[in-house]
Protein backbone atom coordinates (compact mmCIF):
# COMPACT_ATOMS: atom_id res chain seq x y z
CA MET A 1 64.77 -227.12 -88.64
CA ASP A 2 63.56 -223.54 -88.96
CA GLY A 3 65.64 -222.50 -85.91
CA ASP A 4 68.82 -224.06 -87.37
CA PHE A 5 68.40 -222.17 -90.62
CA ARG A 6 67.80 -218.94 -88.76
CA THR A 7 70.91 -219.18 -86.55
CA SER A 8 73.14 -220.19 -89.47
CA PHE A 9 71.74 -217.30 -91.50
CA VAL A 10 72.23 -214.73 -88.72
CA ARG A 11 75.79 -215.78 -87.84
CA ALA A 12 78.62 -214.54 -90.03
CA PRO A 13 80.32 -217.31 -91.96
CA SER A 14 83.31 -218.52 -89.94
CA SER A 15 85.63 -218.06 -92.93
CA LEU A 16 85.04 -214.30 -92.81
CA LYS A 17 86.30 -214.12 -89.21
CA GLN A 18 89.67 -215.30 -90.47
CA HIS A 19 90.42 -212.31 -92.70
CA PRO A 20 92.16 -209.61 -90.68
CA ALA A 21 93.47 -206.50 -92.42
CA LEU A 22 97.00 -205.24 -91.89
CA VAL A 23 96.79 -201.56 -90.93
CA LEU A 24 99.52 -199.27 -92.25
CA ASN A 25 100.20 -195.69 -91.27
CA ALA A 26 100.10 -193.03 -94.00
CA ASP A 27 103.85 -193.66 -94.56
CA TYR A 28 103.05 -197.32 -95.42
CA ARG A 29 104.64 -198.70 -92.24
CA PRO A 30 102.60 -200.84 -89.84
CA LEU A 31 101.25 -198.93 -86.84
CA SER A 32 102.92 -201.58 -84.69
CA TYR A 33 104.88 -204.74 -85.34
CA TYR A 34 104.33 -206.56 -82.07
CA PRO A 35 101.50 -206.95 -81.68
CA LEU A 36 101.00 -206.54 -85.39
CA SER A 37 98.48 -203.80 -86.20
CA LEU A 38 95.48 -205.77 -87.46
CA TRP A 39 91.79 -204.94 -87.74
CA PRO A 40 88.92 -207.38 -88.17
CA TRP A 41 87.69 -207.33 -91.75
CA GLN A 42 84.50 -205.54 -90.63
CA GLU A 43 86.51 -202.58 -89.27
CA ALA A 44 88.56 -202.38 -92.46
CA VAL A 45 85.44 -202.34 -94.64
CA LYS A 46 83.83 -199.70 -92.41
CA ALA A 47 86.96 -197.49 -92.50
CA ALA A 48 87.13 -197.81 -96.30
CA TRP A 49 83.43 -196.96 -96.61
CA LEU A 50 83.97 -193.87 -94.41
CA ASP A 51 86.95 -192.89 -96.60
CA ARG A 52 89.44 -193.08 -93.69
CA VAL A 53 91.71 -195.62 -95.39
CA ASP A 54 92.79 -196.68 -98.85
CA ILE A 55 92.63 -200.36 -99.68
CA VAL A 56 96.03 -201.54 -100.91
CA ALA A 57 95.45 -205.30 -101.17
CA GLU A 58 92.43 -207.59 -100.96
CA TYR A 59 91.46 -211.18 -100.24
CA ASP A 60 89.67 -213.20 -102.89
CA GLU A 61 86.49 -213.38 -100.75
CA VAL A 62 83.75 -210.78 -101.01
CA VAL A 63 81.03 -209.47 -98.72
CA ARG A 64 77.70 -208.29 -100.02
CA SER A 65 74.92 -206.00 -99.01
CA PRO A 66 71.69 -205.65 -100.99
CA SER A 67 73.26 -202.94 -103.15
CA THR A 68 77.05 -203.40 -102.87
CA GLU A 69 79.71 -206.06 -103.24
CA ILE A 70 83.22 -205.46 -101.90
CA ARG A 71 86.29 -207.67 -101.76
CA ILE A 72 87.59 -208.04 -98.20
CA PRO A 73 90.62 -205.77 -97.63
CA SER A 74 93.82 -207.52 -96.56
CA VAL A 75 95.98 -204.35 -96.35
CA VAL A 76 94.72 -200.84 -95.66
CA VAL A 77 96.64 -197.59 -95.30
CA LEU A 78 95.42 -194.71 -93.15
CA LYS A 79 94.79 -191.45 -94.99
CA ASP A 80 95.93 -189.40 -92.00
CA TYR A 81 99.36 -189.98 -90.47
CA VAL A 82 99.33 -191.16 -86.85
CA LYS A 83 102.41 -189.94 -85.01
CA PRO A 84 104.11 -192.85 -83.22
CA GLN A 85 104.42 -192.59 -79.47
CA LYS A 86 107.87 -191.59 -78.24
CA ARG A 87 107.33 -192.70 -74.66
CA VAL A 88 107.40 -196.41 -73.99
CA ALA A 89 104.99 -197.57 -71.29
CA PHE A 90 106.53 -199.70 -68.54
CA THR A 91 104.41 -202.82 -68.92
CA ARG A 92 105.11 -206.51 -68.45
CA PHE A 93 104.66 -207.07 -72.19
CA ASN A 94 107.11 -204.30 -73.15
CA LEU A 95 109.60 -205.57 -70.57
CA PHE A 96 109.45 -209.08 -72.05
CA LEU A 97 109.78 -207.62 -75.55
CA ARG A 98 112.82 -205.57 -74.50
CA ASP A 99 114.40 -208.76 -73.11
CA GLU A 100 113.36 -210.69 -76.25
CA PHE A 101 111.16 -213.08 -74.28
CA CYS A 102 114.07 -214.83 -72.59
CA CYS A 103 115.41 -215.06 -69.05
CA GLN A 104 118.14 -212.50 -68.49
CA TYR A 105 120.00 -214.90 -66.22
CA CYS A 106 120.04 -218.23 -68.08
CA GLY A 107 118.55 -217.40 -71.50
CA ALA A 108 115.58 -219.78 -71.18
CA LYS A 109 112.40 -218.96 -73.09
CA GLY A 110 108.88 -219.45 -71.80
CA ASP A 111 107.46 -219.50 -68.26
CA LEU A 112 108.69 -215.95 -67.68
CA THR A 113 108.19 -213.73 -64.66
CA PHE A 114 110.01 -210.55 -63.83
CA ASP A 115 112.71 -210.00 -61.24
CA HIS A 116 114.05 -206.95 -59.42
CA VAL A 117 117.84 -206.95 -59.88
CA ILE A 118 118.20 -205.03 -56.63
CA PRO A 119 115.43 -206.66 -54.57
CA ARG A 120 112.62 -204.46 -53.32
CA ALA A 121 113.37 -205.76 -49.82
CA ARG A 122 116.76 -204.03 -50.19
CA GLY A 123 115.39 -200.75 -51.55
CA GLY A 124 115.21 -201.67 -55.24
CA VAL A 125 112.61 -199.83 -57.28
CA THR A 126 110.31 -201.06 -60.01
CA SER A 127 111.81 -199.40 -63.07
CA TRP A 128 113.25 -200.21 -66.49
CA GLU A 129 116.75 -200.07 -65.00
CA ASN A 130 116.04 -202.55 -62.18
CA VAL A 131 113.57 -205.11 -63.56
CA VAL A 132 114.37 -207.95 -65.96
CA ALA A 133 112.58 -210.94 -67.44
CA ALA A 134 113.43 -214.11 -65.54
CA CYS A 135 112.33 -217.71 -65.70
CA SER A 136 110.64 -219.06 -62.57
CA LYS A 137 113.63 -221.25 -61.75
CA CYS A 138 116.15 -218.35 -61.80
CA ASN A 139 113.76 -216.01 -60.01
CA LEU A 140 113.32 -218.53 -57.21
CA ARG A 141 117.06 -219.24 -57.05
CA LYS A 142 117.91 -215.53 -56.76
CA GLY A 143 115.17 -214.73 -54.27
CA SER A 144 115.76 -211.46 -52.42
CA ARG A 145 119.54 -211.66 -52.66
CA SER A 146 121.93 -209.54 -54.73
CA LEU A 147 123.51 -210.94 -57.89
CA MET A 148 126.85 -211.26 -56.11
CA GLN A 149 125.32 -213.14 -53.17
CA CYS A 150 123.72 -215.75 -55.40
CA GLY A 151 126.52 -215.93 -57.98
CA MET A 152 124.31 -214.98 -60.93
CA ASN A 153 125.02 -212.61 -63.83
CA LEU A 154 122.83 -210.66 -66.21
CA ARG A 155 123.07 -211.32 -69.93
CA LYS A 156 122.79 -207.56 -70.55
CA PRO A 157 122.23 -204.59 -68.25
CA PRO A 158 118.59 -203.44 -68.03
CA ARG A 159 117.89 -200.10 -69.71
CA GLN A 160 114.83 -198.14 -70.70
CA PRO A 161 114.15 -198.93 -74.38
CA GLY A 162 113.22 -196.35 -76.94
CA ALA A 163 110.04 -196.69 -78.99
CA GLU A 164 112.02 -197.38 -82.17
CA GLN A 165 114.07 -200.07 -80.38
CA LEU A 166 110.89 -201.88 -79.31
CA ARG A 167 109.45 -201.61 -82.83
CA ASN A 168 112.61 -203.17 -84.25
CA LEU A 169 112.56 -205.93 -81.63
CA GLY A 170 108.91 -206.61 -82.48
CA ARG A 171 109.88 -207.48 -86.06
CA LYS A 172 111.77 -210.50 -84.75
CA PHE A 173 108.51 -212.04 -83.52
CA PRO A 174 106.12 -212.35 -86.46
CA PRO A 175 102.57 -213.50 -85.72
CA ASN A 176 101.53 -217.09 -86.33
CA HIS A 177 99.86 -216.14 -89.60
CA LEU A 178 101.23 -213.80 -92.26
CA HIS A 179 99.07 -213.35 -95.33
CA GLU A 180 101.06 -213.20 -98.56
CA THR A 181 99.83 -209.64 -99.26
CA TRP A 182 101.33 -208.39 -95.98
CA VAL A 183 104.94 -209.44 -96.45
CA ASP A 184 105.99 -206.56 -98.72
CA PHE A 185 104.69 -204.04 -96.19
CA LEU A 186 106.18 -205.65 -93.10
CA TYR A 187 109.77 -205.82 -94.16
CA TRP A 188 110.20 -203.13 -96.83
CA ASP A 189 112.43 -201.02 -94.59
CA ALA A 190 114.60 -203.93 -93.45
CA GLU A 191 118.22 -204.03 -94.59
CA LEU A 192 118.64 -206.08 -97.76
CA GLU A 193 121.07 -208.98 -97.86
CA SER A 194 123.88 -208.70 -100.40
């Protein structure tokens, strides 16, 4: 019995693990949209305590120390502006984001790999301009042949995306959970419908 009490006392309540804070740059835009810039509540409280962020919105839940009680931040804004990166890293994730998580041959979503448009066996390089997202079925069908040889077409030509383009694409893929206090900060610069 004593051991059960001790472990339940030492562990953080599971409800507190479910309170991430949306992190905004000093211009009140998220640091990133996809993945959405989130901190665990502990990091948000620590940053607020160290005066690195301002708390813009809070959850109803509180955390306590012997001398302090603070509501858990749900949205924080950095006090110092972080300059967004201009260069986009060539990663599998960014490639899939550029291609909007769908096969560039048939448009299928899910079970994605990547394919060299000009196969490496034929001198094709691994670059933004030669690699596309492809479903396993299309990738296998194309093999190491050219598009003309296999009778396949690309939905759009592969190009290197800009950082702003990827940020805008990321907005199309919201996370599974959006807290009500985040919505105003996620889409405030989106074009309004008339």
